[in-house]
Amino acid sequence: MNLPLFGAQASGLFADHGLDVELVEPARGAPAPAGRHAPAGGEPASPDFAVTAVQSAVGARVRRPHDRHPRFVAVVHQRSPLAAFVPVDSPLRWPSDLAGARVAASTAPWFDLEYRAALEALGLGPPVVVPARADGRKLSLADGEVEVIGSWDEAIAVLRRRAGVPVRSIPFGPQVYTTGVVAQDHVPGDVVVRMVEALRDAFEQQRSNPELGLDDLCNRFHGVDPAGALEEWAVLDDYVFGTGLPLAMTDHQWEATVAHAARTYGITPVAVAELCREELVGAMSRGIDDL
């Protein structure tokens, strides 16, 4: 998901939109959207824009309603990429097969809630969540301890290494927003519009030239496998472009997303206007140049 950002830097696309952009990493342990790494002896500074998870933003609004929160200006995952990874020879083939299947507990409790809620949204029974082993060893598909590992669909290359056996995915995520780009309220509207335009062009550019910025991405995040990154970018394509409106936001989809989050986490629904800049809702379908 970060690859188009590095591609935009490498091609000068951000500069073409009149933007001087520095790509920074989140501080360890910081809540999303995280503060950037602090300079030597300094305090972390909040980024102007950040890529973050929708559920993190919704949760932050509920936990800290009086804080100033950044708001979404674009959505990357137009629908949830939640998927069940199974061995290629597994008898599990369809989302309906996942009810009652043994799935490895996630290190992130919120993910287990998302997994269960996605099955419930399909009218299916819950999975059997297998807790982590006491000795710390990861549960394995290879030895049959679990039948399923849950993750995001585009994590195929990472899951293949973890699983120890050839795997395939069973996508079953609901039709809700999952990740997007937020902007701090202090960022002027014209700058936000230029950034959204630049990001839209960056994703289109990456679709035409997938390897653009790949070396820079791998240099920044050591251990990234270039071939795996390209494979995962190819999977992500459908979640970004599947609706035909990349990075778009609509009232209807935001309302569905908020309702899903409220059911999943047992929280009070958050007003859509609190989560995103209203002037950008529907802007892609109207034509962002009209703003």
Protein backbone atom coordinates (compact mmCIF):
# COMPACT_ATOMS: atom_id res chain seq x y z
CA MET A 1 0.00 0.00 0.00
CA ASN A 2 2.97 2.34 0.50
CA LEU A 3 4.46 1.59 -2.91
CA PRO A 4 2.61 4.39 -4.79
CA LEU A 5 3.99 6.92 -2.28
CA PHE A 6 7.55 5.90 -3.08
CA GLY A 7 6.68 5.81 -6.78
CA ALA A 8 5.36 9.37 -6.57
CA GLN A 9 8.56 10.50 -4.88
CA ALA A 10 10.75 8.76 -7.44
CA SER A 11 8.89 10.21 -10.43
CA GLY A 12 8.57 13.75 -9.07
CA LEU A 13 4.78 13.48 -9.16
CA PHE A 14 4.33 15.17 -5.77
CA ALA A 15 6.43 18.11 -6.96
CA ASP A 16 4.34 18.27 -10.15
CA HIS A 17 1.35 18.98 -7.90
CA GLY A 18 3.23 21.72 -6.05
CA LEU A 19 3.84 19.58 -2.97
CA ASP A 20 7.07 19.22 -1.00
CA VAL A 21 6.61 15.80 0.60
CA GLU A 22 8.76 13.93 3.09
CA LEU A 23 7.82 10.30 3.74
CA VAL A 24 8.28 9.54 7.42
CA GLU A 25 7.75 6.43 9.51
CA PRO A 26 5.44 6.24 12.51
CA ALA A 27 6.98 6.32 15.97
CA ARG A 28 7.04 2.91 17.60
CA GLY A 29 4.02 2.28 19.77
CA ALA A 30 2.30 5.50 18.75
CA PRO A 31 -1.44 5.32 18.04
CA ALA A 32 -2.60 5.64 14.45
CA PRO A 33 -2.12 8.00 12.79
CA ALA A 34 1.24 7.95 14.49
CA GLY A 35 3.60 10.80 15.12
CA ARG A 36 6.76 10.78 13.06
CA HIS A 37 10.14 9.80 14.42
CA ALA A 38 11.55 12.62 16.50
CA PRO A 39 14.77 14.31 15.45
CA ALA A 40 17.67 13.86 17.83
CA GLY A 41 16.73 15.39 21.17
CA GLY A 42 13.33 16.53 19.90
CA GLU A 43 9.70 15.59 20.37
CA PRO A 44 7.74 13.67 17.72
CA ALA A 45 5.85 15.97 15.37
CA SER A 46 2.46 15.04 13.97
CA PRO A 47 2.48 14.44 10.22
CA ASP A 48 0.28 16.60 8.02
CA PHE A 49 -1.09 13.48 6.32
CA ALA A 50 -1.02 9.81 7.30
CA VAL A 51 -2.15 6.46 5.96
CA THR A 52 -4.16 4.78 8.70
CA ALA A 53 -6.79 2.15 9.45
CA VAL A 54 -10.42 3.22 9.57
CA GLN A 55 -11.12 1.18 12.71
CA SER A 56 -8.26 2.97 14.50
CA ALA A 57 -9.73 6.36 13.62
CA VAL A 58 -13.24 5.38 14.68
CA GLY A 59 -11.95 3.93 17.95
CA ALA A 60 -9.89 7.04 18.68
CA ARG A 61 -12.95 9.24 18.22
CA VAL A 62 -14.89 7.14 20.72
CA ARG A 63 -12.10 6.84 23.31
CA ARG A 64 -10.99 10.48 23.12
CA PRO A 65 -14.00 12.47 21.88
CA HIS A 66 -12.63 15.84 22.99
CA ASP A 67 -9.26 15.52 21.23
CA ARG A 68 -8.52 17.05 17.85
CA HIS A 69 -8.45 14.20 15.37
CA PRO A 70 -7.32 14.22 11.73
CA ARG A 71 -10.04 13.45 9.22
CA PHE A 72 -10.09 11.24 6.15
CA VAL A 73 -9.60 12.84 2.76
CA ALA A 74 -9.27 9.67 0.67
CA VAL A 75 -9.93 5.94 1.04
CA VAL A 76 -7.43 3.34 -0.17
CA HIS A 77 -9.26 0.05 0.53
CA GLN A 78 -12.71 0.58 -0.96
CA ARG A 79 -13.83 -2.68 0.66
CA SER A 80 -12.40 -4.84 3.40
CA PRO A 81 -9.48 -7.04 2.28
CA LEU A 82 -10.10 -9.52 5.10
CA ALA A 83 -9.28 -13.03 3.96
CA ALA A 84 -8.75 -16.53 5.28
CA PHE A 85 -5.51 -18.18 4.18
CA VAL A 86 -5.63 -21.96 3.85
CA PRO A 87 -3.33 -24.64 2.39
CA VAL A 88 -3.84 -25.02 -1.36
CA ASP A 89 -5.19 -28.55 -0.86
CA SER A 90 -7.60 -27.54 1.93
CA PRO A 91 -11.26 -28.59 1.53
CA LEU A 92 -12.21 -25.07 2.62
CA ARG A 93 -13.01 -23.13 -0.55
CA TRP A 94 -15.81 -20.64 0.08
CA PRO A 95 -16.61 -18.14 2.84
CA SER A 96 -19.46 -20.44 3.91
CA ASP A 97 -16.83 -23.08 4.73
CA LEU A 98 -15.22 -20.83 7.35
CA ALA A 99 -17.96 -21.12 10.00
CA GLY A 100 -16.59 -23.33 12.76
CA ALA A 101 -13.15 -23.62 11.14
CA ARG A 102 -10.13 -23.45 13.44
CA VAL A 103 -8.38 -20.09 13.00
CA ALA A 104 -5.18 -18.93 14.68
CA ALA A 105 -5.73 -16.18 17.24
CA SER A 106 -4.22 -12.88 16.14
CA THR A 107 -1.66 -10.93 18.13
CA ALA A 108 -4.07 -7.99 17.70
CA PRO A 109 -7.38 -8.68 19.51
CA TRP A 110 -9.24 -6.20 17.27
CA PHE A 111 -8.45 -8.40 14.26
CA ASP A 112 -10.20 -11.39 15.85
CA LEU A 113 -13.26 -9.18 16.34
CA GLU A 114 -13.11 -8.12 12.68
CA TYR A 115 -12.85 -11.74 11.57
CA ARG A 116 -15.88 -12.82 13.62
CA ALA A 117 -17.90 -9.77 12.55
CA ALA A 118 -17.21 -10.44 8.86
CA LEU A 119 -18.61 -13.96 9.21
CA GLU A 120 -21.63 -12.64 11.10
CA ALA A 121 -22.25 -10.10 8.32
CA LEU A 122 -22.54 -13.06 5.94
CA GLY A 123 -24.98 -14.81 8.26
CA LEU A 124 -22.41 -17.44 9.21
CA GLY A 125 -21.53 -18.95 12.55
CA PRO A 126 -18.35 -17.98 14.42
CA PRO A 127 -14.94 -19.55 13.91
CA VAL A 128 -13.10 -21.59 16.53
CA VAL A 129 -10.28 -19.26 17.62
CA VAL A 130 -7.23 -21.27 18.69
CA PRO A 131 -5.16 -19.35 21.29
CA ALA A 132 -1.42 -18.86 20.91
CA ARG A 133 0.83 -21.66 22.17
CA ALA A 134 2.26 -21.28 25.66
CA ASP A 135 5.81 -21.78 24.35
CA GLY A 136 5.43 -18.83 21.96
CA ARG A 137 5.73 -20.93 18.78
CA LYS A 138 3.38 -19.77 16.04
CA LEU A 139 0.43 -21.97 15.22
CA SER A 140 0.99 -23.69 11.92
CA LEU A 141 -1.08 -24.63 8.91
CA ALA A 142 1.60 -27.14 8.00
CA ASP A 143 0.97 -29.46 10.95
CA GLY A 144 -2.80 -28.97 11.05
CA GLU A 145 -2.96 -27.15 14.40
CA VAL A 146 -5.22 -24.65 12.67
CA GLU A 147 -7.12 -24.73 9.40
CA VAL A 148 -7.01 -21.00 8.74
CA ILE A 149 -4.80 -17.97 9.28
CA GLY A 150 -6.67 -14.69 8.97
CA SER A 151 -5.03 -11.63 7.42
CA TRP A 152 -5.45 -9.01 4.70
CA ASP A 153 -5.76 -10.47 1.22
CA GLU A 154 -2.73 -8.61 -0.14
CA ALA A 155 -0.48 -10.12 2.57
CA ILE A 156 -0.13 -13.27 0.46
CA ALA A 157 3.67 -13.16 0.19
CA VAL A 158 4.12 -12.67 3.93
CA LEU A 159 1.60 -15.40 4.79
CA ARG A 160 3.27 -17.85 2.43
CA ARG A 161 6.52 -17.49 4.37
CA ARG A 162 4.76 -17.78 7.71
CA ALA A 163 2.55 -20.76 6.80
CA GLY A 164 5.33 -23.08 5.69
CA VAL A 165 3.08 -24.58 3.01
CA PRO A 166 1.65 -23.30 -0.28
CA VAL A 167 -1.44 -21.22 0.52
CA ARG A 168 -4.39 -19.56 -1.19
CA SER A 169 -6.80 -16.96 0.12
CA ILE A 170 -10.56 -16.97 0.61
CA PRO A 171 -11.57 -13.27 0.60
CA PHE A 172 -14.71 -12.57 2.62
CA GLY A 173 -14.39 -9.02 3.93
CA PRO A 174 -17.52 -6.86 4.06
CA GLN A 175 -18.24 -3.90 1.79
CA VAL A 176 -16.76 -1.29 4.16
CA TYR A 177 -13.85 1.11 4.07
CA THR A 178 -10.72 -0.26 5.73
CA THR A 179 -7.76 2.11 5.22
CA GLY A 180 -7.38 5.64 4.02
CA VAL A 181 -5.47 8.89 4.15
CA VAL A 182 -6.17 11.44 6.89
CA ALA A 183 -5.20 15.10 7.04
CA GLN A 184 -4.72 17.28 10.08
CA ASP A 185 -7.29 20.07 10.36
CA HIS A 186 -4.58 22.73 10.13
CA VAL A 187 -3.76 21.70 6.55
CA PRO A 188 -5.44 24.21 4.18
CA GLY A 189 -8.17 22.93 1.89
CA ASP A 190 -6.28 23.72 -1.31
CA VAL A 191 -3.28 21.70 -0.11
CA VAL A 192 -5.54 18.79 0.79
CA VAL A 193 -7.11 18.84 -2.68
CA ARG A 194 -3.68 18.88 -4.32
CA MET A 195 -2.57 15.96 -2.16
CA VAL A 196 -5.66 13.93 -3.04
CA GLU A 197 -5.12 14.68 -6.72
CA ALA A 198 -1.47 13.64 -6.38
CA LEU A 199 -2.39 10.40 -4.59
CA ARG A 200 -5.00 9.56 -7.21
CA ASP A 201 -2.39 10.06 -9.92
CA ALA A 202 0.18 8.11 -7.87
CA PHE A 203 -2.04 5.03 -7.68
CA GLU A 204 -2.86 5.26 -11.39
CA GLN A 205 0.84 5.69 -12.16
CA GLN A 206 1.75 2.66 -10.07
CA ARG A 207 -0.82 0.59 -11.89
CA SER A 208 0.94 1.40 -15.17
CA ASN A 209 4.46 0.97 -13.77
CA PRO A 210 4.37 -1.36 -10.72
CA GLU A 211 8.16 -1.33 -10.17
CA LEU A 212 8.35 2.44 -9.82
CA GLY A 213 9.82 3.33 -6.40
CA LEU A 214 10.32 -0.33 -5.49
CA ASP A 215 14.04 0.06 -4.76
CA ASP A 216 13.35 3.01 -2.45
CA LEU A 217 10.65 1.07 -0.62
CA CYS A 218 12.99 -1.88 -0.07
CA ASN A 219 15.81 0.39 1.08
CA ARG A 220 13.50 2.03 3.63
CA PHE A 221 11.96 -1.19 4.94
CA HIS A 222 14.72 -3.76 5.16
CA GLY A 223 13.63 -7.34 4.68
CA VAL A 224 10.94 -6.54 2.12
CA ASP A 225 11.06 -9.03 -0.73
CA PRO A 226 10.76 -7.10 -4.03
CA ALA A 227 8.93 -9.92 -5.81
CA GLY A 228 6.58 -10.31 -2.86
CA ALA A 229 5.87 -6.57 -2.77
CA LEU A 230 4.90 -6.62 -6.44
CA GLU A 231 2.71 -9.68 -5.94
CA GLU A 232 0.92 -8.02 -3.05
CA TRP A 233 0.51 -4.77 -5.01
CA ALA A 234 -1.22 -6.79 -7.74
CA VAL A 235 -3.69 -8.20 -5.18
CA LEU A 236 -4.33 -4.75 -3.73
CA ASP A 237 -5.31 -3.46 -7.19
CA ASP A 238 -8.85 -4.83 -6.99
CA TYR A 239 -9.48 -3.26 -3.59
CA VAL A 240 -8.35 0.16 -4.83
CA PHE A 241 -9.77 0.16 -8.36
CA GLY A 242 -12.60 -2.37 -8.09
CA THR A 243 -15.27 0.32 -7.74
CA GLY A 244 -13.89 2.34 -10.65
CA LEU A 245 -13.40 5.34 -8.35
CA PRO A 246 -9.95 5.00 -6.75
CA LEU A 247 -9.56 6.86 -3.42
CA ALA A 248 -13.20 8.00 -3.54
CA MET A 249 -15.44 8.51 -0.49
CA THR A 250 -19.25 8.39 -0.48
CA ASP A 251 -21.81 9.09 2.23
CA HIS A 252 -23.47 5.71 1.75
CA GLN A 253 -20.24 3.74 2.12
CA TRP A 254 -19.11 5.79 5.12
CA GLU A 255 -22.44 5.18 6.85
CA ALA A 256 -22.12 1.44 6.22
CA THR A 257 -18.56 1.52 7.53
CA VAL A 258 -19.48 3.34 10.73
CA ALA A 259 -22.41 0.99 11.36
CA HIS A 260 -20.13 -2.02 10.87
CA ALA A 261 -17.54 -0.62 13.29
CA ALA A 262 -20.24 0.03 15.90
CA ARG A 263 -21.49 -3.57 15.65
CA THR A 264 -17.99 -5.03 15.64
CA TYR A 265 -16.65 -3.17 18.66
CA GLY A 266 -19.86 -2.46 20.57
CA ILE A 267 -19.40 1.29 20.40
CA THR A 268 -21.64 4.27 19.72
CA PRO A 269 -21.65 5.19 16.02
CA VAL A 270 -19.54 8.21 15.11
CA ALA A 271 -20.95 10.93 12.87
CA VAL A 272 -19.55 10.70 9.36
CA ALA A 273 -18.82 14.44 9.42
CA GLU A 274 -16.44 13.84 12.32
CA LEU A 275 -14.46 11.25 10.39
CA CYS A 276 -13.86 12.91 7.04
CA ARG A 277 -13.74 16.29 5.32
CA GLU A 278 -17.26 16.58 4.01
CA GLU A 279 -16.28 18.63 0.95
CA LEU A 280 -14.36 15.61 -0.34
CA VAL A 281 -17.19 13.11 0.10
CA GLY A 282 -18.37 12.30 -3.41
CA ALA A 283 -15.72 14.58 -4.91
CA MET A 284 -14.18 11.87 -7.07
CA SER A 285 -17.48 11.08 -8.74
CA ARG A 286 -18.28 14.79 -9.23
CA GLY A 287 -14.79 15.68 -10.37
CA ILE A 288 -12.31 16.86 -7.80
CA ASP A 289 -11.22 19.68 -10.08
CA ASP A 290 -14.55 21.37 -9.32
CA LEU A 291 -13.59 21.91 -5.67
